[in-house]
Amino acid sequence: MSLFDSTPLTEQVTAEDDAGRPLADRMRPRTIEEYIGQEHILGPDKPLRAQIESGKLGSLILWGPPGSGKTTLAFLIARQSRADFVPFSAVLSGIKEIKTVMAEAERRRRAGRRTVLFIDEIHRFNKAQQDAFLPYVERGDVVLIGATTENPSFEVVSALLSRTKVYSLRALETPEIVILLKRALETPERGIGHLGLKIADELVDEIAVDSSGDARSALNTLEIAAGLAREGVIDQQAVADAMQHKVLLYDKSGEEHYNLISALHKSVRSSDVDAALYWLARMMKAGEDRLYLARRLVRMAIEDIGLADPRAIEQAIACMQTVHFLGMPEGDQALAQLTIYLAIAPKSDASYQALNKANGTIEATVAEPVPLHLRNAPTKLMKEMGYARGYQHAHKEKDAVTAMQCLPESLAGSVFYEPTERGFEQRIRERLEWLRKARHPGGPNGGQ
């Protein structure tokens, strides 16, 4: 079978071949009516459903997690529109193969036949390869359907993205997975209904939950469990052996990685300790680098807690050293302990905002020279030029506070750090107010 065969795989095999194919492949829906899930785009009067039924099919990108039905949906769209379906792998193909496929598609168009070119994992194509599709899409030689698990905004070139409609598919819900599993159990021709296996409803639910919305994973687990069945029964042990470990959608270099760390960071910032622990555990369970998690927690201690609890950074650095020293799994408890500490700590981004304000001022104003009285004067010439003249040594003053101006004259009175009244910053605020009054008793920030 050629890489560029236009007849779908599901129609190229014979009944005898069926038994050798994975259950997930045999159970692919053959009509839109059989398709489960994605009601937000395929329900009555929804955009993609209307496009399919009208026959006015345009190029599109199907973006969704593994096992959400992207490949199946692309095939059904082609079938519904009576077009030739050409599957094309971004992993196995280059520009030479692209040109070969496009030449065939152009010949079909001239013969009055439409071609749906399905590109699995389109995000794996580089910019030059993606650009190679543009003229053929624009001329209408092909209807391009790309499938990707990565955010198209980052992984698909803008020129191609502007010529396609992006549809976001979601992970299937547990009840939807259950429907697919029961369909496989009850279907004799393509499924395993001919085996007459019995399985408790709660075990079907367990397989569905364990799949984390991945239909392919759920059907693969069911197929393995069926092979482990004893005396026609799929029992708890068979299901446990088939599952081995929960499938977690995760890619250390992909968008889901950033989605999860964002959820952890925002849960800590929101002082939701239970949510923070959940997202931390999700990342650890999926195999995330523990030192990466420690680094991110250090950042949270600085960015979101700051001086509201000065010990937060101490705890974070101690945790990082503990994780480095102990490794896993022992270091995991240190990460959990730090996550709890940061979540319940008082929050302040005042120091974070203070640096932003200082940076903003630097960008918006002239870089003034350092005032002479703040400069060292190690040589006679520098002293004669006025370096260090008028400098007031704080330790020689009452309470170690001077009224000396330390900002350039044009920035005198600027305020960057404004502490909150939360946690330890409340005491810092009181101290800062006293300092400003002591340094500038008659100034705008001091008063009398």
Protein backbone atom coordinates (compact mmCIF):
# COMPACT_ATOMS: atom_id res chain seq x y z
CA MET A 1 0.00 0.00 0.00
CA SER A 2 1.47 3.38 -1.05
CA LEU A 3 1.93 6.30 1.29
CA PHE A 4 -0.28 8.27 -1.07
CA ASP A 5 -3.17 5.81 -1.58
CA SER A 6 -6.39 7.79 -1.82
CA THR A 7 -8.63 5.00 -0.57
CA PRO A 8 -8.99 5.10 3.23
CA LEU A 9 -7.29 2.43 5.27
CA THR A 10 -10.62 1.32 6.71
CA GLU A 11 -11.81 0.35 3.24
CA GLN A 12 -8.60 -1.29 2.04
CA VAL A 13 -8.61 -4.24 4.41
CA THR A 14 -10.66 -7.37 3.98
CA ALA A 15 -12.82 -9.04 6.60
CA GLU A 16 -10.00 -11.55 7.17
CA ASP A 17 -7.56 -8.71 7.84
CA ASP A 18 -9.89 -7.18 10.44
CA ALA A 19 -8.90 -9.56 13.20
CA GLY A 20 -5.25 -8.54 12.95
CA ARG A 21 -5.93 -4.83 13.35
CA PRO A 22 -6.04 -3.12 16.77
CA LEU A 23 -9.50 -2.81 18.30
CA ALA A 24 -9.22 1.00 18.32
CA ASP A 25 -8.71 0.99 14.55
CA ARG A 26 -11.48 -1.53 13.85
CA MET A 27 -13.95 0.50 15.90
CA ARG A 28 -13.41 3.79 14.09
CA PRO A 29 -16.82 5.32 13.30
CA ARG A 30 -17.84 4.97 9.66
CA THR A 31 -20.49 7.71 9.65
CA ILE A 32 -20.96 11.08 11.30
CA GLU A 33 -23.88 9.56 13.22
CA GLU A 34 -21.53 6.98 14.80
CA TYR A 35 -19.05 9.66 15.83
CA ILE A 36 -19.04 10.34 19.58
CA GLY A 37 -18.20 13.69 21.16
CA GLN A 38 -17.26 17.17 19.91
CA GLU A 39 -20.86 18.38 20.06
CA HIS A 40 -19.60 21.95 20.31
CA ILE A 41 -18.61 21.79 16.62
CA LEU A 42 -20.64 18.84 15.30
CA GLY A 43 -23.97 19.28 17.04
CA PRO A 44 -27.04 20.55 15.14
CA ASP A 45 -26.45 23.99 13.63
CA LYS A 46 -22.84 24.01 14.80
CA PRO A 47 -20.22 25.45 12.40
CA LEU A 48 -18.38 22.35 11.23
CA ARG A 49 -21.56 20.28 10.96
CA ALA A 50 -23.13 22.99 8.78
CA GLN A 51 -20.02 23.14 6.60
CA ILE A 52 -20.04 19.36 6.10
CA GLU A 53 -23.75 19.14 5.33
CA SER A 54 -23.61 22.05 2.87
CA GLY A 55 -20.79 20.40 0.93
CA LYS A 56 -18.90 23.71 0.95
CA LEU A 57 -15.79 22.28 2.47
CA GLY A 58 -12.76 24.48 3.08
CA SER A 59 -9.31 23.74 4.45
CA LEU A 60 -9.18 23.37 8.20
CA ILE A 61 -7.00 22.46 11.17
CA LEU A 62 -8.23 20.00 13.81
CA TRP A 63 -6.50 20.80 17.08
CA GLY A 64 -6.98 18.49 20.02
CA PRO A 65 -5.40 16.02 22.43
CA PRO A 66 -4.49 12.44 21.46
CA GLY A 67 -7.44 10.11 21.02
CA SER A 68 -10.00 12.88 20.56
CA GLY A 69 -10.97 11.70 17.06
CA LYS A 70 -9.05 14.00 14.70
CA THR A 71 -8.09 11.36 12.12
CA THR A 72 -11.52 9.74 12.16
CA LEU A 73 -13.26 13.08 11.77
CA ALA A 74 -11.06 13.99 8.79
CA PHE A 75 -11.95 10.70 7.07
CA LEU A 76 -15.66 11.18 7.74
CA ILE A 77 -15.55 14.72 6.35
CA ALA A 78 -13.96 13.42 3.14
CA ARG A 79 -16.49 10.60 2.90
CA GLN A 80 -19.45 12.91 3.47
CA SER A 81 -18.20 15.27 0.75
CA ARG A 82 -17.51 12.37 -1.68
CA ALA A 83 -13.86 13.35 -1.98
CA ASP A 84 -10.75 11.19 -2.31
CA PHE A 85 -9.06 10.89 1.06
CA VAL A 86 -5.25 11.04 0.98
CA PRO A 87 -3.55 10.50 4.35
CA PHE A 88 -0.14 12.10 4.58
CA SER A 89 2.32 11.77 7.46
CA ALA A 90 4.39 14.75 8.56
CA VAL A 91 6.77 12.31 10.22
CA LEU A 92 7.56 10.29 7.08
CA SER A 93 7.37 12.87 4.30
CA GLY A 94 9.31 15.81 2.88
CA ILE A 95 8.91 18.43 0.13
CA LYS A 96 9.56 15.87 -2.63
CA GLU A 97 6.63 13.75 -1.44
CA ILE A 98 4.48 16.87 -1.05
CA LYS A 99 5.01 17.80 -4.71
CA THR A 100 4.19 14.25 -5.83
CA VAL A 101 0.92 14.23 -3.90
CA MET A 102 -0.02 17.69 -5.15
CA ALA A 103 0.58 16.73 -8.77
CA GLU A 104 -1.81 13.80 -8.35
CA ALA A 105 -4.36 16.05 -6.63
CA GLU A 106 -4.16 18.57 -9.50
CA ARG A 107 -4.88 15.80 -12.02
CA ARG A 108 -7.91 14.72 -9.99
CA ARG A 109 -9.21 18.30 -9.88
CA ARG A 110 -8.99 18.57 -13.66
CA ALA A 111 -10.90 15.31 -13.89
CA GLY A 112 -13.63 16.77 -11.64
CA ARG A 113 -12.66 14.89 -8.47
CA ARG A 114 -11.97 16.53 -5.12
CA THR A 115 -9.06 15.58 -2.88
CA VAL A 116 -9.02 15.85 0.88
CA LEU A 117 -5.39 15.83 1.94
CA PHE A 118 -5.13 14.81 5.58
CA ILE A 119 -1.83 15.75 7.26
CA ASP A 120 -1.34 14.04 10.58
CA GLU A 121 0.90 15.88 13.07
CA ILE A 122 1.15 18.92 10.81
CA HIS A 123 3.12 20.72 13.51
CA ARG A 124 6.10 18.46 12.71
CA PHE A 125 6.50 20.08 9.28
CA ASN A 126 8.99 22.95 9.21
CA LYS A 127 8.17 26.38 7.73
CA ALA A 128 9.43 25.53 4.23
CA GLN A 129 7.41 22.33 4.12
CA GLN A 130 4.25 24.08 5.31
CA ASP A 131 4.77 26.88 2.80
CA ALA A 132 4.91 24.27 0.01
CA PHE A 133 1.18 23.59 0.49
CA LEU A 134 0.11 27.22 0.02
CA PRO A 135 -0.25 27.47 -3.79
CA TYR A 136 -2.19 24.20 -3.98
CA VAL A 137 -4.55 25.23 -1.19
CA GLU A 138 -5.10 28.64 -2.82
CA ARG A 139 -5.85 27.10 -6.25
CA GLY A 140 -8.25 24.62 -4.71
CA ASP A 141 -6.28 21.57 -5.85
CA VAL A 142 -6.77 20.14 -2.39
CA VAL A 143 -8.87 20.62 0.71
CA LEU A 144 -6.23 20.46 3.41
CA ILE A 145 -7.14 19.03 6.80
CA GLY A 146 -4.31 19.20 9.31
CA ALA A 147 -4.32 17.45 12.67
CA THR A 148 -2.21 18.62 15.58
CA THR A 149 -1.93 18.21 19.32
CA GLU A 150 -0.02 21.50 19.54
CA ASN A 151 -1.41 25.04 19.52
CA PRO A 152 -1.65 26.05 15.82
CA SER A 153 -0.91 29.67 16.76
CA PHE A 154 2.65 28.62 17.51
CA GLU A 155 3.15 25.58 15.27
CA VAL A 156 1.46 26.45 11.95
CA VAL A 157 2.87 29.23 9.75
CA SER A 158 0.67 32.34 9.63
CA ALA A 159 0.20 32.19 5.83
CA LEU A 160 -1.25 28.68 6.05
CA LEU A 161 -3.18 29.48 9.21
CA SER A 162 -4.91 32.41 7.50
CA ARG A 163 -6.18 30.08 4.77
CA THR A 164 -7.65 27.52 7.14
CA LYS A 165 -10.33 27.38 9.79
CA VAL A 166 -9.16 26.04 13.16
CA TYR A 167 -11.51 23.74 15.08
CA SER A 168 -10.57 22.84 18.63
CA LEU A 169 -11.42 19.31 19.74
CA ARG A 170 -11.63 18.48 23.44
CA ALA A 171 -10.69 15.31 25.27
CA LEU A 172 -13.68 12.97 25.40
CA GLU A 173 -15.68 12.93 28.61
CA THR A 174 -15.94 9.76 30.69
CA PRO A 175 -19.56 8.96 29.66
CA GLU A 176 -18.54 9.29 25.99
CA ILE A 177 -15.63 6.89 26.49
CA VAL A 178 -18.03 4.47 28.21
CA ILE A 179 -20.30 4.51 25.14
CA LEU A 180 -17.33 3.61 22.91
CA LEU A 181 -16.22 0.80 25.23
CA LYS A 182 -19.68 -0.72 25.44
CA ARG A 183 -20.06 -0.44 21.68
CA ALA A 184 -16.83 -2.43 21.27
CA LEU A 185 -18.02 -5.02 23.79
CA GLU A 186 -21.35 -5.46 21.99
CA THR A 187 -20.24 -5.29 18.34
CA PRO A 188 -19.42 -8.75 16.97
CA GLU A 189 -18.00 -7.89 13.54
CA ARG A 190 -15.52 -5.11 14.30
CA GLY A 191 -15.43 -5.27 18.10
CA ILE A 192 -15.15 -8.13 20.58
CA GLY A 193 -18.85 -8.84 20.92
CA HIS A 194 -18.35 -12.30 19.41
CA LEU A 195 -16.32 -13.29 22.48
CA GLY A 196 -19.34 -12.92 24.76
CA LEU A 197 -17.25 -11.39 27.54
CA LYS A 198 -18.78 -10.12 30.76
CA ILE A 199 -17.48 -7.09 32.64
CA ALA A 200 -18.95 -5.09 35.52
CA ASP A 201 -20.12 -1.56 34.71
CA GLU A 202 -17.82 -0.13 37.37
CA LEU A 203 -14.81 -1.69 35.62
CA VAL A 204 -15.87 -0.15 32.31
CA ASP A 205 -16.08 3.18 34.14
CA GLU A 206 -12.62 2.58 35.62
CA ILE A 207 -11.11 2.04 32.18
CA ALA A 208 -12.85 5.19 30.92
CA VAL A 209 -11.59 7.34 33.79
CA ASP A 210 -8.07 5.93 33.47
CA SER A 211 -7.88 6.89 29.79
CA SER A 212 -8.06 10.63 30.62
CA GLY A 213 -10.29 11.33 27.61
CA ASP A 214 -8.19 9.33 25.10
CA ALA A 215 -10.51 6.98 23.20
CA ARG A 216 -7.64 5.08 21.59
CA SER A 217 -6.03 4.44 24.98
CA ALA A 218 -9.33 3.23 26.44
CA LEU A 219 -9.96 0.77 23.60
CA ASN A 220 -6.38 -0.48 23.75
CA THR A 221 -6.79 -1.15 27.47
CA LEU A 222 -10.07 -2.97 26.86
CA GLU A 223 -8.45 -5.12 24.18
CA ILE A 224 -5.61 -6.12 26.52
CA ALA A 225 -8.04 -6.81 29.36
CA ALA A 226 -10.13 -9.00 27.03
CA GLY A 227 -7.02 -11.03 26.30
CA LEU A 228 -6.50 -11.52 30.04
CA ALA A 229 -10.12 -12.55 30.70
CA ARG A 230 -10.69 -15.84 32.50
CA GLU A 231 -13.72 -18.02 31.88
CA GLY A 232 -15.39 -15.30 29.82
CA VAL A 233 -15.10 -12.61 32.52
CA ILE A 234 -12.98 -9.47 32.52
CA ASP A 235 -12.34 -9.06 36.25
CA GLN A 236 -10.65 -6.42 38.38
CA GLN A 237 -7.23 -8.06 38.09
CA ALA A 238 -7.42 -8.19 34.29
CA VAL A 239 -8.32 -4.48 34.14
CA ALA A 240 -5.57 -3.54 36.61
CA ASP A 241 -2.96 -5.51 34.66
CA ALA A 242 -4.12 -3.95 31.39
CA MET A 243 -4.00 -0.38 32.69
CA GLN A 244 -0.60 -0.61 34.41
CA HIS A 245 -0.58 3.13 34.98
CA LYS A 246 -2.88 6.03 34.27
CA VAL A 247 -2.46 7.77 30.92
CA LEU A 248 -1.64 11.43 31.49
CA LEU A 249 -1.67 13.92 28.62
CA TYR A 250 1.71 15.56 28.90
CA ASP A 251 4.56 16.69 26.72
CA LYS A 252 7.51 18.35 28.42
CA SER A 253 8.10 20.55 25.38
CA GLY A 254 4.49 21.01 24.31
CA GLU A 255 1.63 23.29 25.25
CA GLU A 256 0.21 20.99 27.92
CA HIS A 257 3.45 21.39 29.85
CA TYR A 258 2.88 25.14 29.99
CA ASN A 259 -0.83 24.74 30.70
CA LEU A 260 -0.09 22.65 33.80
CA ILE A 261 2.67 24.86 35.19
CA SER A 262 0.39 27.86 34.61
CA ALA A 263 -2.38 26.12 36.57
CA LEU A 264 0.05 25.38 39.42
CA HIS A 265 1.37 28.95 39.51
CA LYS A 266 -2.09 30.53 39.45
CA SER A 267 -3.42 28.15 42.11
CA VAL A 268 -0.55 29.12 44.43
CA ARG A 269 -1.15 32.81 43.66
CA SER A 270 -4.86 32.35 44.45
CA SER A 271 -4.02 30.65 47.79
CA ASP A 272 -5.88 27.50 46.72
CA VAL A 273 -3.73 24.91 48.47
CA ASP A 274 -5.73 21.88 47.29
CA ALA A 275 -5.68 22.91 43.64
CA ALA A 276 -1.97 23.70 43.87
CA LEU A 277 -1.25 20.22 45.26
CA TYR A 278 -3.36 18.61 42.55
CA TRP A 279 -1.51 20.32 39.69
CA LEU A 280 1.85 19.63 41.32
CA ALA A 281 0.97 15.94 41.66
CA ARG A 282 -0.23 15.83 38.04
CA MET A 283 3.10 17.12 36.82
CA MET A 284 5.13 14.81 39.05
CA LYS A 285 3.03 11.81 38.07
CA ALA A 286 3.64 12.61 34.40
CA GLY A 287 7.41 12.59 34.98
CA GLU A 288 8.21 16.30 35.10
CA ASP A 289 11.79 17.22 36.02
CA ARG A 290 11.77 17.87 39.79
CA LEU A 291 14.39 20.60 39.61
CA TYR A 292 12.27 22.41 37.03
CA LEU A 293 9.37 22.35 39.50
CA ALA A 294 11.67 23.58 42.27
CA ARG A 295 12.85 26.49 40.09
CA ARG A 296 9.29 27.49 39.31
CA LEU A 297 8.32 27.38 42.98
CA VAL A 298 11.31 29.61 43.79
CA ARG A 299 9.99 32.08 41.24
CA MET A 300 6.53 31.98 42.85
CA ALA A 301 8.10 32.75 46.24
CA ILE A 302 9.73 35.84 44.73
CA GLU A 303 7.01 37.01 42.36
CA ASP A 304 3.81 36.36 44.30
CA ILE A 305 4.80 36.37 47.98
CA GLY A 306 7.86 38.54 48.14
CA LEU A 307 8.30 40.49 51.35
CA ALA A 308 4.83 39.64 52.61
CA ASP A 309 6.66 36.57 53.93
CA PRO A 310 10.45 36.93 53.59
CA ARG A 311 10.88 33.31 54.73
CA ALA A 312 9.17 32.05 51.58
CA ILE A 313 12.34 32.45 49.51
CA GLU A 314 14.34 30.73 52.26
CA GLN A 315 11.91 27.80 52.22
CA ALA A 316 12.03 27.68 48.41
CA ILE A 317 15.85 27.57 48.25
CA ALA A 318 15.91 24.94 51.00
CA CYS A 319 13.42 22.87 49.01
CA MET A 320 15.49 23.17 45.84
CA GLN A 321 18.58 21.96 47.70
CA THR A 322 16.61 19.13 49.29
CA VAL A 323 15.29 17.95 45.92
CA HIS A 324 18.80 18.09 44.47
CA PHE A 325 20.24 16.22 47.48
CA LEU A 326 17.57 13.53 47.88
CA GLY A 327 16.29 13.10 44.33
CA MET A 328 12.99 11.31 43.82
CA PRO A 329 10.76 10.04 45.26
CA GLU A 330 11.94 11.42 48.63
CA GLY A 331 12.33 14.94 47.29
CA ASP A 332 8.72 14.96 46.10
CA GLN A 333 7.53 15.50 49.65
CA ALA A 334 9.71 18.61 49.90
CA LEU A 335 8.06 19.99 46.75
CA ALA A 336 4.62 19.26 48.21
CA GLN A 337 5.55 20.89 51.51
CA LEU A 338 6.83 24.02 49.77
CA THR A 339 3.74 24.20 47.56
CA ILE A 340 1.53 24.14 50.67
CA TYR A 341 3.67 26.81 52.35
CA LEU A 342 3.55 29.13 49.34
CA ALA A 343 -0.19 28.65 48.81
CA ILE A 344 -1.10 29.61 52.39
CA ALA A 345 1.47 32.43 52.68
CA PRO A 346 0.33 36.07 52.48
CA LYS A 347 0.66 37.38 48.94
CA SER A 348 2.31 40.49 47.58
CA ASP A 349 3.78 41.41 44.22
CA ALA A 350 4.84 44.84 45.45
CA SER A 351 8.56 44.20 45.00
CA TYR A 352 7.88 42.70 41.57
CA GLN A 353 5.91 45.80 40.57
CA ALA A 354 8.55 48.06 42.10
CA LEU A 355 11.18 46.69 39.72
CA ASN A 356 8.77 47.08 36.80
CA LYS A 357 8.19 50.73 37.74
CA ALA A 358 11.93 51.38 38.02
CA ASN A 359 12.50 49.75 34.63
CA GLY A 360 9.69 51.82 33.15
CA THR A 361 11.25 55.01 34.47
CA ILE A 362 14.65 54.07 33.07
CA GLU A 363 13.15 53.47 29.63
CA ALA A 364 11.15 56.71 29.67
CA THR A 365 13.79 59.13 30.97
CA VAL A 366 17.31 60.27 30.16
CA ALA A 367 20.07 58.26 31.85
CA GLU A 368 21.17 60.93 34.31
CA PRO A 369 24.76 60.87 35.60
CA VAL A 370 25.32 59.67 39.14
CA PRO A 371 25.19 62.72 41.47
CA LEU A 372 28.70 63.80 42.51
CA HIS A 373 28.06 63.35 46.22
CA LEU A 374 27.34 59.63 45.66
CA ARG A 375 30.61 59.02 43.80
CA ASN A 376 33.77 57.69 45.42
CA ALA A 377 36.83 59.94 45.29
CA PRO A 378 39.93 57.74 45.47
CA THR A 379 42.18 60.33 43.79
CA LYS A 380 43.08 63.96 44.47
CA LEU A 381 41.79 65.05 41.06
CA MET A 382 38.40 63.46 41.69
CA LYS A 383 38.15 65.21 45.05
CA GLU A 384 38.99 68.54 43.38
CA MET A 385 36.24 67.89 40.83
CA GLY A 386 33.69 67.56 43.61
CA TYR A 387 33.38 63.79 43.84
CA ALA A 388 31.96 62.72 47.25
CA ARG A 389 31.46 66.35 48.30
CA GLY A 390 28.40 66.66 50.49
CA TYR A 391 28.13 62.93 51.13
CA GLN A 392 26.42 62.14 54.46
CA HIS A 393 27.49 58.90 56.13
CA ALA A 394 24.34 57.32 57.57
CA HIS A 395 26.11 55.60 60.48
CA LYS A 396 27.20 58.99 61.81
CA GLU A 397 23.63 60.29 61.92
CA LYS A 398 20.86 59.78 64.45
CA ASP A 399 18.98 56.53 63.77
CA ALA A 400 21.37 56.01 60.81
CA VAL A 401 19.08 58.10 58.59
CA THR A 402 20.09 61.08 56.43
CA ALA A 403 18.15 63.54 54.31
CA MET A 404 20.62 63.11 51.44
CA GLN A 405 19.04 62.84 47.99
CA CYS A 406 20.15 59.59 46.33
CA LEU A 407 18.20 59.83 43.07
CA PRO A 408 19.16 62.08 40.17
CA GLU A 409 17.68 65.53 40.65
CA SER A 410 15.14 65.04 37.86
CA LEU A 411 13.73 61.96 39.60
CA ALA A 412 13.66 63.34 43.13
CA GLY A 413 10.57 62.14 45.01
CA SER A 414 9.93 59.15 42.75
CA VAL A 415 8.31 56.20 44.53
CA PHE A 416 8.75 52.69 43.13
CA TYR A 417 8.11 50.37 46.07
CA GLU A 418 4.68 50.55 47.66
CA PRO A 419 4.27 47.70 50.15
CA THR A 420 0.90 46.17 50.84
CA GLU A 421 -0.68 45.75 54.26
CA ARG A 422 -0.50 41.94 54.02
CA GLY A 423 1.78 39.77 56.14
CA PHE A 424 5.22 41.10 57.03
CA GLU A 425 4.81 43.92 54.51
CA GLN A 426 2.49 45.64 56.95
CA ARG A 427 5.50 46.14 59.26
CA ILE A 428 7.64 47.12 56.27
CA ARG A 429 5.03 49.70 55.28
CA GLU A 430 5.09 51.24 58.75
CA ARG A 431 8.90 51.32 58.72
CA LEU A 432 8.98 52.83 55.22
CA GLU A 433 6.52 55.55 56.15
CA TRP A 434 8.69 56.46 59.15
CA LEU A 435 11.84 56.47 57.00
CA ARG A 436 10.32 58.73 54.39
CA LYS A 437 9.18 61.17 57.04
CA ALA A 438 12.59 61.07 58.72
CA ARG A 439 14.45 61.64 55.45
CA HIS A 440 12.14 64.32 54.07
CA PRO A 441 10.20 65.80 56.98
CA GLY A 442 8.76 68.58 54.82
CA GLY A 443 8.47 66.68 51.55
CA PRO A 444 5.37 65.35 49.77
CA ASN A 445 5.88 61.89 51.24
CA GLY A 446 6.83 63.01 54.70
CA GLY A 447 4.72 65.74 56.15
CA GLN A 448 5.31 67.23 59.61
